[in-house]
Amino acid sequence: MDLRIFTEPQQGASYDTLLTVAKATEDLGFDAFFRSDHYVKMGDGDGLPGPTDAWLTLAGLARETKRIRLGTLMTAATFRLPGVLAIQVAQVDQMSGGRVELGLGAGWFEEEHTAYGIPFPKEKFPRLEEQLAIVTGLWATEPGKTFDFHGKHYDLTDSPALPKPAQPKIPVLIGGHGATRTPRLAARYADEFNMPFASVEDTETQFGRVRAAAQEAGRAADAITYSNALVACVGKDDQEVARRAAAIGREVDELKANGLAGTPAEVVDKIGRYAAVGASRVYLQILDLDDLDHLELISAQVQSQLS
């Protein structure tokens, strides 16, 4: 079971804070550092010092880390043109020596689009599908050849399809709860399917849909990695769990029901339940980025029991 650290910087984090967490992620033996791609905070709090851009952040971290994978859950397709996104991700992959992964989603948070003058189209899913075709098509085009795409939302002619990533193929992550279109899209484009913030039962159902869609598309279901994203709140005892829950404005019972909360033994047991329905990777949503002791505890007493 791979454990990855997943951050939500729109809630309030500077680049220096993210760098500290990423270095701790690497030093403590976690598999990867991922971040969200949002520009406006959600819920309570002031969001200070303000948002940081996902791919600018990952570019910086690419030069400051050596081992961990780096990526997004999820880059919003509404934020960037697909040709530009392909260039950005390929460049960060080169900067990291081939450690980048691209999670790409349709985009959903209308408020941040309004706040920063970003168009919020009604037809988001068809745009996502075209973006996936373009980004992966650009990367797969052989050097010296050109790439063309003529869709409803995007039109590319004689693209040189450069630069190329350092990796032969950058892993693409697709995720979500949708019952029909999401599994179909994952079957076609995903190296990894991520089920965010869902119960074991709902995870099992959605993994089954993705596996069935892959088989219908003529693809081996096991060619896709299956993962979950879940909030983490771990403490050595009940008092420490309660303190960490209060620090992120959540209730312990709710966190235990909907996330990975409790003592290390409780969390290991729950991760095992997700593993039993097919998950081989978990993204730990860490909401208090100043609490590095939290990461140390998870590394020493949770991760050590899963390896």
C-alpha atoms as a PDB file:
ATOM      1  CA  MET A   1       0.000   0.000   0.000  1.00  0.00           C
ATOM      2  CA  ASP A   2       1.466   3.341  -1.083  1.00  0.00           C
ATOM      3  CA  LEU A   3       0.781   6.310   1.179  1.00  0.00           C
ATOM      4  CA  ARG A   4       0.897   9.740  -0.424  1.00  0.00           C
ATOM      5  CA  ILE A   5       0.575  13.162   1.176  1.00  0.00           C
ATOM      6  CA  PHE A   6      -2.164  15.345  -0.281  1.00  0.00           C
ATOM      7  CA  THR A   7      -2.451  19.051   0.575  1.00  0.00           C
ATOM      8  CA  GLU A   8      -5.104  21.751   0.098  1.00  0.00           C
ATOM      9  CA  PRO A   9      -3.065  24.975  -0.124  1.00  0.00           C
ATOM     10  CA  GLN A  10      -6.062  27.148  -1.048  1.00  0.00           C
ATOM     11  CA  GLN A  11      -7.015  26.927   2.628  1.00  0.00           C
ATOM     12  CA  GLY A  12      -3.931  28.991   3.449  1.00  0.00           C
ATOM     13  CA  ALA A  13      -0.304  28.048   2.754  1.00  0.00           C
ATOM     14  CA  SER A  14       2.753  29.768   1.367  1.00  0.00           C
ATOM     15  CA  TYR A  15       5.197  28.099  -0.991  1.00  0.00           C
ATOM     16  CA  ASP A  16       7.693  27.873   1.873  1.00  0.00           C
ATOM     17  CA  THR A  17       5.156  25.931   3.956  1.00  0.00           C
ATOM     18  CA  LEU A  18       4.496  23.558   1.067  1.00  0.00           C
ATOM     19  CA  LEU A  19       8.234  23.093   0.555  1.00  0.00           C
ATOM     20  CA  THR A  20       8.644  22.160   4.220  1.00  0.00           C
ATOM     21  CA  VAL A  21       5.842  19.598   3.979  1.00  0.00           C
ATOM     22  CA  ALA A  22       7.209  18.185   0.721  1.00  0.00           C
ATOM     23  CA  LYS A  23      10.674  17.749   2.217  1.00  0.00           C
ATOM     24  CA  ALA A  24       9.142  16.041   5.253  1.00  0.00           C
ATOM     25  CA  THR A  25       7.170  13.810   2.874  1.00  0.00           C
ATOM     26  CA  GLU A  26      10.424  12.756   1.263  1.00  0.00           C
ATOM     27  CA  ASP A  27      12.422  12.387   4.467  1.00  0.00           C
ATOM     28  CA  LEU A  28       9.712  10.295   6.156  1.00  0.00           C
ATOM     29  CA  GLY A  29       9.490   7.778   3.340  1.00  0.00           C
ATOM     30  CA  PHE A  30       6.115   8.625   1.840  1.00  0.00           C
ATOM     31  CA  ASP A  31       5.618   7.865  -1.835  1.00  0.00           C
ATOM     32  CA  ALA A  32       4.504  11.256  -3.158  1.00  0.00           C
ATOM     33  CA  PHE A  33       3.455  14.835  -2.499  1.00  0.00           C
ATOM     34  CA  PHE A  34       0.273  15.950  -4.235  1.00  0.00           C
ATOM     35  CA  ARG A  35      -1.717  19.148  -4.046  1.00  0.00           C
ATOM     36  CA  SER A  36      -5.101  20.459  -5.067  1.00  0.00           C
ATOM     37  CA  ASP A  37      -5.570  22.990  -7.858  1.00  0.00           C
ATOM     38  CA  HIS A  38      -7.789  25.724  -6.426  1.00  0.00           C
ATOM     39  CA  TYR A  39      -7.625  29.499  -6.102  1.00  0.00           C
ATOM     40  CA  VAL A  40     -10.268  30.199  -3.424  1.00  0.00           C
ATOM     41  CA  LYS A  41     -10.597  28.759   0.071  1.00  0.00           C
ATOM     42  CA  MET A  42     -13.524  26.575   1.063  1.00  0.00           C
ATOM     43  CA  GLY A  43     -15.363  26.892   4.366  1.00  0.00           C
ATOM     44  CA  ASP A  44     -14.153  28.864   7.365  1.00  0.00           C
ATOM     45  CA  GLY A  45     -10.810  30.605   7.716  1.00  0.00           C
ATOM     46  CA  ASP A  46      -9.207  33.583   5.994  1.00  0.00           C
ATOM     47  CA  GLY A  47      -7.148  31.632   3.435  1.00  0.00           C
ATOM     48  CA  LEU A  48      -4.095  33.791   4.103  1.00  0.00           C
ATOM     49  CA  PRO A  49      -1.583  34.317   2.613  1.00  0.00           C
ATOM     50  CA  GLY A  50      -3.633  33.449  -0.472  1.00  0.00           C
ATOM     51  CA  PRO A  51      -3.497  30.830  -3.194  1.00  0.00           C
ATOM     52  CA  THR A  52      -0.432  29.340  -4.804  1.00  0.00           C
ATOM     53  CA  ASP A  53      -0.539  28.003  -8.346  1.00  0.00           C
ATOM     54  CA  ALA A  54      -0.372  24.224  -8.545  1.00  0.00           C
ATOM     55  CA  TRP A  55       2.095  23.860 -11.400  1.00  0.00           C
ATOM     56  CA  LEU A  56       4.327  26.722 -10.301  1.00  0.00           C
ATOM     57  CA  THR A  57       4.500  25.062  -6.892  1.00  0.00           C
ATOM     58  CA  LEU A  58       5.333  21.667  -8.371  1.00  0.00           C
ATOM     59  CA  ALA A  59       8.007  23.214 -10.595  1.00  0.00           C
ATOM     60  CA  GLY A  60       9.717  24.608  -7.515  1.00  0.00           C
ATOM     61  CA  LEU A  61       9.383  21.343  -5.619  1.00  0.00           C
ATOM     62  CA  ALA A  62      10.759  19.450  -8.615  1.00  0.00           C
ATOM     63  CA  ARG A  63      14.099  21.185  -8.064  1.00  0.00           C
ATOM     64  CA  GLU A  64      14.020  20.893  -4.263  1.00  0.00           C
ATOM     65  CA  THR A  65      13.239  17.175  -3.937  1.00  0.00           C
ATOM     66  CA  LYS A  66      14.911  14.068  -5.281  1.00  0.00           C
ATOM     67  CA  ARG A  67      12.732  10.973  -4.818  1.00  0.00           C
ATOM     68  CA  ILE A  68       9.033  11.590  -4.248  1.00  0.00           C
ATOM     69  CA  ARG A  69       6.458  11.658  -7.014  1.00  0.00           C
ATOM     70  CA  LEU A  70       4.747  15.016  -7.569  1.00  0.00           C
ATOM     71  CA  GLY A  71       1.263  15.705  -8.900  1.00  0.00           C
ATOM     72  CA  THR A  72      -2.211  17.179  -8.697  1.00  0.00           C
ATOM     73  CA  LEU A  73      -5.549  15.983  -7.379  1.00  0.00           C
ATOM     74  CA  MET A  74      -6.977  17.362  -9.593  1.00  0.00           C
ATOM     75  CA  THR A  75      -5.843  19.997 -12.087  1.00  0.00           C
ATOM     76  CA  ALA A  76      -8.951  21.832 -13.273  1.00  0.00           C
ATOM     77  CA  ALA A  77      -9.489  21.570 -17.028  1.00  0.00           C
ATOM     78  CA  THR A  78     -11.192  24.976 -16.895  1.00  0.00           C
ATOM     79  CA  PHE A  79      -8.013  26.736 -15.747  1.00  0.00           C
ATOM     80  CA  ARG A  80      -5.666  26.055 -18.648  1.00  0.00           C
ATOM     81  CA  LEU A  81      -5.739  25.466 -22.371  1.00  0.00           C
ATOM     82  CA  PRO A  82      -4.745  21.853 -23.083  1.00  0.00           C
ATOM     83  CA  GLY A  83      -1.760  22.702 -25.272  1.00  0.00           C
ATOM     84  CA  VAL A  84      -0.368  25.002 -22.597  1.00  0.00           C
ATOM     85  CA  LEU A  85      -1.040  22.421 -19.897  1.00  0.00           C
ATOM     86  CA  ALA A  86       0.835  19.755 -21.878  1.00  0.00           C
ATOM     87  CA  ILE A  87       3.858  22.072 -22.089  1.00  0.00           C
ATOM     88  CA  GLN A  88       3.727  22.962 -18.390  1.00  0.00           C
ATOM     89  CA  VAL A  89       3.468  19.379 -17.163  1.00  0.00           C
ATOM     90  CA  ALA A  90       6.142  18.112 -19.557  1.00  0.00           C
ATOM     91  CA  GLN A  91       8.503  20.859 -18.399  1.00  0.00           C
ATOM     92  CA  VAL A  92       7.933  20.100 -14.713  1.00  0.00           C
ATOM     93  CA  ASP A  93       8.500  16.430 -15.498  1.00  0.00           C
ATOM     94  CA  GLN A  94      11.851  17.323 -17.038  1.00  0.00           C
ATOM     95  CA  MET A  95      12.686  19.525 -14.046  1.00  0.00           C
ATOM     96  CA  SER A  96      11.956  16.644 -11.666  1.00  0.00           C
ATOM     97  CA  GLY A  97      13.835  14.005 -13.630  1.00  0.00           C
ATOM     98  CA  GLY A  98      10.622  12.158 -14.477  1.00  0.00           C
ATOM     99  CA  ARG A  99       8.611  12.179 -11.234  1.00  0.00           C
ATOM    100  CA  VAL A 100       5.408  13.957 -12.268  1.00  0.00           C
ATOM    101  CA  GLU A 101       1.834  12.651 -12.462  1.00  0.00           C
ATOM    102  CA  LEU A 102      -1.171  14.535 -13.831  1.00  0.00           C
ATOM    103  CA  GLY A 103      -4.542  14.331 -12.168  1.00  0.00           C
ATOM    104  CA  LEU A 104      -7.021  16.058 -14.457  1.00  0.00           C
ATOM    105  CA  GLY A 105     -10.632  16.858 -13.636  1.00  0.00           C
ATOM    106  CA  ALA A 106     -13.453  18.839 -15.179  1.00  0.00           C
ATOM    107  CA  GLY A 107     -13.418  21.722 -12.694  1.00  0.00           C
ATOM    108  CA  TRP A 108     -16.414  22.387 -10.457  1.00  0.00           C
ATOM    109  CA  PHE A 109     -15.946  25.335  -8.067  1.00  0.00           C
ATOM    110  CA  GLU A 110     -17.748  28.222  -9.757  1.00  0.00           C
ATOM    111  CA  GLU A 111     -16.860  30.774  -7.063  1.00  0.00           C
ATOM    112  CA  GLU A 112     -13.129  30.657  -7.797  1.00  0.00           C
ATOM    113  CA  HIS A 113     -13.768  31.131 -11.508  1.00  0.00           C
ATOM    114  CA  THR A 114     -15.872  34.208 -10.793  1.00  0.00           C
ATOM    115  CA  ALA A 115     -13.313  35.556  -8.327  1.00  0.00           C
ATOM    116  CA  TYR A 116     -10.422  35.427 -10.808  1.00  0.00           C
ATOM    117  CA  GLY A 117     -12.172  36.023 -14.127  1.00  0.00           C
ATOM    118  CA  ILE A 118     -11.886  32.437 -15.358  1.00  0.00           C
ATOM    119  CA  PRO A 119     -14.680  31.325 -17.715  1.00  0.00           C
ATOM    120  CA  PHE A 120     -16.919  28.659 -16.194  1.00  0.00           C
ATOM    121  CA  PRO A 121     -18.424  26.764 -19.117  1.00  0.00           C
ATOM    122  CA  LYS A 122     -21.656  24.821 -18.890  1.00  0.00           C
ATOM    123  CA  GLU A 123     -20.230  21.880 -20.843  1.00  0.00           C
ATOM    124  CA  LYS A 124     -17.332  20.918 -18.608  1.00  0.00           C
ATOM    125  CA  PHE A 125     -17.143  17.140 -19.066  1.00  0.00           C
ATOM    126  CA  PRO A 126     -16.881  17.230 -22.888  1.00  0.00           C
ATOM    127  CA  ARG A 127     -14.065  19.772 -22.522  1.00  0.00           C
ATOM    128  CA  LEU A 128     -12.288  17.461 -20.092  1.00  0.00           C
ATOM    129  CA  GLU A 129     -12.547  14.601 -22.566  1.00  0.00           C
ATOM    130  CA  GLU A 130     -11.027  16.702 -25.331  1.00  0.00           C
ATOM    131  CA  GLN A 131      -8.277  17.937 -23.014  1.00  0.00           C
ATOM    132  CA  LEU A 132      -7.312  14.372 -22.146  1.00  0.00           C
ATOM    133  CA  ALA A 133      -7.149  13.465 -25.819  1.00  0.00           C
ATOM    134  CA  ILE A 134      -5.009  16.515 -26.607  1.00  0.00           C
ATOM    135  CA  VAL A 135      -2.589  16.352 -23.676  1.00  0.00           C
ATOM    136  CA  THR A 136      -1.908  12.634 -24.075  1.00  0.00           C
ATOM    137  CA  GLY A 137      -1.824  12.962 -27.857  1.00  0.00           C
ATOM    138  CA  LEU A 138       0.758  15.737 -27.754  1.00  0.00           C
ATOM    139  CA  TRP A 139       3.019  13.745 -25.450  1.00  0.00           C
ATOM    140  CA  ALA A 140       2.683  10.584 -27.557  1.00  0.00           C
ATOM    141  CA  THR A 141       3.500  12.265 -30.889  1.00  0.00           C
ATOM    142  CA  GLU A 142       6.891  11.149 -32.166  1.00  0.00           C
ATOM    143  CA  PRO A 143       9.588  13.831 -32.379  1.00  0.00           C
ATOM    144  CA  GLY A 144       9.682  15.345 -35.831  1.00  0.00           C
ATOM    145  CA  LYS A 145       5.986  14.695 -36.420  1.00  0.00           C
ATOM    146  CA  THR A 146       3.050  17.025 -35.798  1.00  0.00           C
ATOM    147  CA  PHE A 147      -0.223  16.667 -33.918  1.00  0.00           C
ATOM    148  CA  ASP A 148      -3.671  17.731 -35.089  1.00  0.00           C
ATOM    149  CA  PHE A 149      -6.950  17.721 -33.197  1.00  0.00           C
ATOM    150  CA  HIS A 150     -10.268  19.121 -34.368  1.00  0.00           C
ATOM    151  CA  GLY A 151     -12.927  18.980 -31.687  1.00  0.00           C
ATOM    152  CA  LYS A 152     -15.942  20.951 -30.613  1.00  0.00           C
ATOM    153  CA  HIS A 153     -14.056  22.929 -27.977  1.00  0.00           C
ATOM    154  CA  TYR A 154     -10.407  22.886 -29.083  1.00  0.00           C
ATOM    155  CA  ASP A 155      -8.663  22.960 -32.461  1.00  0.00           C
ATOM    156  CA  LEU A 156      -4.956  22.235 -32.965  1.00  0.00           C
ATOM    157  CA  THR A 157      -3.228  22.232 -36.359  1.00  0.00           C
ATOM    158  CA  ASP A 158       0.385  21.248 -37.108  1.00  0.00           C
ATOM    159  CA  SER A 159       1.447  21.357 -33.475  1.00  0.00           C
ATOM    160  CA  PRO A 160       5.121  20.429 -33.064  1.00  0.00           C
ATOM    161  CA  ALA A 161       3.993  18.611 -29.880  1.00  0.00           C
ATOM    162  CA  LEU A 162       6.987  19.774 -27.889  1.00  0.00           C
ATOM    163  CA  PRO A 163       8.488  19.578 -25.337  1.00  0.00           C
ATOM    164  CA  LYS A 164       8.478  15.901 -24.444  1.00  0.00           C
ATOM    165  CA  PRO A 165       8.307  14.715 -20.821  1.00  0.00           C
ATOM    166  CA  ALA A 166      11.267  12.957 -19.233  1.00  0.00           C
ATOM    167  CA  GLN A 167       9.112   9.871 -18.647  1.00  0.00           C
ATOM    168  CA  PRO A 168       8.085   7.708 -21.590  1.00  0.00           C
ATOM    169  CA  LYS A 169       4.527   8.199 -20.340  1.00  0.00           C
ATOM    170  CA  ILE A 170       3.371  10.566 -17.624  1.00  0.00           C
ATOM    171  CA  PRO A 171       0.794   8.748 -15.463  1.00  0.00           C
ATOM    172  CA  VAL A 172      -2.684  10.252 -15.813  1.00  0.00           C
ATOM    173  CA  LEU A 173      -5.126  10.165 -12.891  1.00  0.00           C
ATOM    174  CA  ILE A 174      -8.887  10.406 -13.320  1.00  0.00           C
ATOM    175  CA  GLY A 175     -11.314  10.274 -10.430  1.00  0.00           C
ATOM    176  CA  GLY A 176     -14.813  10.916  -9.221  1.00  0.00           C
ATOM    177  CA  HIS A 177     -18.154   9.464  -8.244  1.00  0.00           C
ATOM    178  CA  GLY A 178     -19.913   9.578 -11.628  1.00  0.00           C
ATOM    179  CA  ALA A 179     -21.533   6.283 -12.521  1.00  0.00           C
ATOM    180  CA  THR A 180     -21.221   6.297 -16.309  1.00  0.00           C
ATOM    181  CA  ARG A 181     -19.051   8.913 -17.999  1.00  0.00           C
ATOM    182  CA  THR A 182     -16.277   8.904 -15.395  1.00  0.00           C
ATOM    183  CA  PRO A 183     -15.618   5.125 -15.592  1.00  0.00           C
ATOM    184  CA  ARG A 184     -15.700   5.299 -19.395  1.00  0.00           C
ATOM    185  CA  LEU A 185     -13.167   8.132 -19.436  1.00  0.00           C
ATOM    186  CA  ALA A 186     -10.958   6.330 -16.921  1.00  0.00           C
ATOM    187  CA  ALA A 187     -11.055   3.162 -18.994  1.00  0.00           C
ATOM    188  CA  ARG A 188      -9.747   5.092 -21.973  1.00  0.00           C
ATOM    189  CA  TYR A 189      -7.169   7.444 -20.459  1.00  0.00           C
ATOM    190  CA  ALA A 190      -6.374   6.661 -16.816  1.00  0.00           C
ATOM    191  CA  ASP A 191      -3.274   5.011 -15.473  1.00  0.00           C
ATOM    192  CA  GLU A 192      -4.844   5.477 -12.049  1.00  0.00           C
ATOM    193  CA  PHE A 193      -8.433   5.861 -10.889  1.00  0.00           C
ATOM    194  CA  ASN A 194      -8.956   7.809  -7.672  1.00  0.00           C
ATOM    195  CA  MET A 195     -12.087   7.642  -5.531  1.00  0.00           C
ATOM    196  CA  PRO A 196     -12.179  10.777  -3.364  1.00  0.00           C
ATOM    197  CA  PHE A 197     -13.712  10.935   0.110  1.00  0.00           C
ATOM    198  CA  ALA A 198     -15.925   7.870  -0.176  1.00  0.00           C
ATOM    199  CA  SER A 199     -16.925   4.959   2.019  1.00  0.00           C
ATOM    200  CA  VAL A 200     -15.504   1.484   1.555  1.00  0.00           C
ATOM    201  CA  GLU A 201     -18.842   0.390   0.119  1.00  0.00           C
ATOM    202  CA  ASP A 202     -19.070   3.228  -2.410  1.00  0.00           C
ATOM    203  CA  THR A 203     -15.433   2.704  -3.317  1.00  0.00           C
ATOM    204  CA  GLU A 204     -16.057  -0.955  -4.072  1.00  0.00           C
ATOM    205  CA  THR A 205     -19.011  -0.064  -6.298  1.00  0.00           C
ATOM    206  CA  GLN A 206     -17.104   2.584  -8.244  1.00  0.00           C
ATOM    207  CA  PHE A 207     -13.991   0.461  -8.659  1.00  0.00           C
ATOM    208  CA  GLY A 208     -16.267  -2.224 -10.070  1.00  0.00           C
ATOM    209  CA  ARG A 209     -17.701   0.208 -12.606  1.00  0.00           C
ATOM    210  CA  VAL A 210     -14.225   1.272 -13.717  1.00  0.00           C
ATOM    211  CA  ARG A 211     -13.051  -2.320 -14.030  1.00  0.00           C
ATOM    212  CA  ALA A 212     -16.121  -3.201 -16.089  1.00  0.00           C
ATOM    213  CA  ALA A 213     -15.627  -0.156 -18.331  1.00  0.00           C
ATOM    214  CA  ALA A 214     -11.995  -1.108 -18.891  1.00  0.00           C
ATOM    215  CA  GLN A 215     -12.949  -4.617 -19.913  1.00  0.00           C
ATOM    216  CA  GLU A 216     -15.619  -3.274 -22.260  1.00  0.00           C
ATOM    217  CA  ALA A 217     -12.963  -1.068 -23.838  1.00  0.00           C
ATOM    218  CA  GLY A 218     -10.717  -4.073 -24.388  1.00  0.00           C
ATOM    219  CA  ARG A 219      -8.312  -3.118 -21.642  1.00  0.00           C
ATOM    220  CA  ALA A 220      -7.164  -5.217 -18.697  1.00  0.00           C
ATOM    221  CA  ALA A 221      -8.859  -3.909 -15.560  1.00  0.00           C
ATOM    222  CA  ASP A 222      -5.671  -4.515 -13.568  1.00  0.00           C
ATOM    223  CA  ALA A 223      -3.757  -2.179 -15.878  1.00  0.00           C
ATOM    224  CA  ILE A 224      -5.291   0.659 -13.831  1.00  0.00           C
ATOM    225  CA  THR A 225      -4.109   1.520 -10.306  1.00  0.00           C
ATOM    226  CA  TYR A 226      -7.006   2.063  -7.884  1.00  0.00           C
ATOM    227  CA  SER A 227      -6.686   4.605  -5.096  1.00  0.00           C
ATOM    228  CA  ASN A 228      -8.564   6.615  -2.482  1.00  0.00           C
ATOM    229  CA  ALA A 229      -8.201  10.132  -1.127  1.00  0.00           C
ATOM    230  CA  LEU A 230      -9.201  10.440   2.536  1.00  0.00           C
ATOM    231  CA  VAL A 231      -8.755  13.030   5.263  1.00  0.00           C
ATOM    232  CA  ALA A 232      -6.220  11.959   7.884  1.00  0.00           C
ATOM    233  CA  CYS A 233      -6.365  12.702  11.596  1.00  0.00           C
ATOM    234  CA  VAL A 234      -4.157  10.320  13.545  1.00  0.00           C
ATOM    235  CA  GLY A 235      -3.129  10.516  17.182  1.00  0.00           C
ATOM    236  CA  LYS A 236      -1.237   8.290  19.587  1.00  0.00           C
ATOM    237  CA  ASP A 237      -4.295   8.367  21.878  1.00  0.00           C
ATOM    238  CA  ASP A 238      -7.855   9.742  21.949  1.00  0.00           C
ATOM    239  CA  GLN A 239      -6.774  13.093  23.352  1.00  0.00           C
ATOM    240  CA  GLU A 240      -4.287  13.675  20.550  1.00  0.00           C
ATOM    241  CA  VAL A 241      -6.879  12.689  17.953  1.00  0.00           C
ATOM    242  CA  ALA A 242      -9.333  15.177  19.491  1.00  0.00           C
ATOM    243  CA  ARG A 243      -6.705  17.920  19.502  1.00  0.00           C
ATOM    244  CA  ARG A 244      -5.875  17.369  15.854  1.00  0.00           C
ATOM    245  CA  ALA A 245      -9.549  17.246  14.892  1.00  0.00           C
ATOM    246  CA  ALA A 246     -10.191  20.554  16.679  1.00  0.00           C
ATOM    247  CA  ALA A 247      -7.213  22.131  14.903  1.00  0.00           C
ATOM    248  CA  ILE A 248      -8.854  21.494  11.521  1.00  0.00           C
ATOM    249  CA  GLY A 249     -12.383  22.358  12.684  1.00  0.00           C
ATOM    250  CA  ARG A 250     -13.775  18.827  12.466  1.00  0.00           C
ATOM    251  CA  GLU A 251     -15.504  16.401  14.827  1.00  0.00           C
ATOM    252  CA  VAL A 252     -13.791  13.140  15.746  1.00  0.00           C
ATOM    253  CA  ASP A 253     -16.843  10.959  15.130  1.00  0.00           C
ATOM    254  CA  GLU A 254     -17.368  12.481  11.679  1.00  0.00           C
ATOM    255  CA  LEU A 255     -13.708  12.004  10.792  1.00  0.00           C
ATOM    256  CA  LYS A 256     -13.784   8.388  11.909  1.00  0.00           C
ATOM    257  CA  ALA A 257     -16.899   7.771   9.830  1.00  0.00           C
ATOM    258  CA  ASN A 258     -15.699   9.520   6.681  1.00  0.00           C
ATOM    259  CA  GLY A 259     -11.925   9.463   6.809  1.00  0.00           C
ATOM    260  CA  LEU A 260      -8.856   7.915   8.378  1.00  0.00           C
ATOM    261  CA  ALA A 261      -9.043   9.028  11.998  1.00  0.00           C
ATOM    262  CA  GLY A 262      -8.086   7.524  15.314  1.00  0.00           C
ATOM    263  CA  THR A 263      -5.084   5.741  16.720  1.00  0.00           C
ATOM    264  CA  PRO A 264      -2.531   4.211  14.355  1.00  0.00           C
ATOM    265  CA  ALA A 265      -4.083   0.771  14.906  1.00  0.00           C
ATOM    266  CA  GLU A 266      -7.547   2.079  13.986  1.00  0.00           C
ATOM    267  CA  VAL A 267      -6.225   3.755  10.856  1.00  0.00           C
ATOM    268  CA  VAL A 268      -4.253   0.699   9.740  1.00  0.00           C
ATOM    269  CA  ASP A 269      -7.392  -1.392  10.158  1.00  0.00           C
ATOM    270  CA  LYS A 270      -9.481   0.990   8.051  1.00  0.00           C
ATOM    271  CA  ILE A 271      -6.858   1.216   5.315  1.00  0.00           C
ATOM    272  CA  GLY A 272      -6.978  -2.559   5.235  1.00  0.00           C
ATOM    273  CA  ARG A 273     -10.700  -2.399   4.491  1.00  0.00           C
ATOM    274  CA  TYR A 274     -10.028  -0.174   1.467  1.00  0.00           C
ATOM    275  CA  ALA A 275      -7.251  -2.508   0.360  1.00  0.00           C
ATOM    276  CA  ALA A 276      -9.688  -5.414   0.521  1.00  0.00           C
ATOM    277  CA  VAL A 277     -11.884  -3.780  -2.162  1.00  0.00           C
ATOM    278  CA  GLY A 278      -8.970  -3.059  -4.474  1.00  0.00           C
ATOM    279  CA  ALA A 279      -7.175   0.104  -3.335  1.00  0.00           C
ATOM    280  CA  SER A 280      -3.391  -0.088  -3.513  1.00  0.00           C
ATOM    281  CA  ARG A 281      -2.731   3.596  -2.841  1.00  0.00           C
ATOM    282  CA  VAL A 282      -4.133   6.148  -0.396  1.00  0.00           C
ATOM    283  CA  TYR A 283      -3.780   9.921  -0.550  1.00  0.00           C
ATOM    284  CA  LEU A 284      -3.771  11.284   2.996  1.00  0.00           C
ATOM    285  CA  GLN A 285      -5.425  14.694   2.994  1.00  0.00           C
ATOM    286  CA  ILE A 286      -3.374  16.711   5.495  1.00  0.00           C
ATOM    287  CA  LEU A 287      -5.178  19.904   6.500  1.00  0.00           C
ATOM    288  CA  ASP A 288      -2.874  21.231   9.246  1.00  0.00           C
ATOM    289  CA  LEU A 289       0.347  21.819   7.338  1.00  0.00           C
ATOM    290  CA  ASP A 290       2.190  23.147  10.395  1.00  0.00           C
ATOM    291  CA  ASP A 291       1.814  19.867  12.308  1.00  0.00           C
ATOM    292  CA  LEU A 292       4.832  17.911  11.079  1.00  0.00           C
ATOM    293  CA  ASP A 293       4.586  15.652  14.133  1.00  0.00           C
ATOM    294  CA  HIS A 294       1.408  14.296  12.526  1.00  0.00           C
ATOM    295  CA  LEU A 295       3.387  13.148   9.488  1.00  0.00           C
ATOM    296  CA  GLU A 296       6.080  11.640  11.695  1.00  0.00           C
ATOM    297  CA  LEU A 297       3.492   9.625  13.627  1.00  0.00           C
ATOM    298  CA  ILE A 298       1.841   8.344  10.437  1.00  0.00           C
ATOM    299  CA  SER A 299       5.216   7.382   9.004  1.00  0.00           C
ATOM    300  CA  ALA A 300       6.400   5.611  12.143  1.00  0.00           C
ATOM    301  CA  GLN A 301       3.217   3.840  13.224  1.00  0.00           C
ATOM    302  CA  VAL A 302       0.927   3.570  10.172  1.00  0.00           C
ATOM    303  CA  GLN A 303       3.131   3.404   7.106  1.00  0.00           C
ATOM    304  CA  SER A 304       5.534   1.037   8.819  1.00  0.00           C
ATOM    305  CA  GLN A 305       2.730  -1.520   9.256  1.00  0.00           C
ATOM    306  CA  LEU A 306       1.639  -1.342   5.600  1.00  0.00           C
ATOM    307  CA  SER A 307       4.953  -1.882   3.850  1.00  0.00           C
END
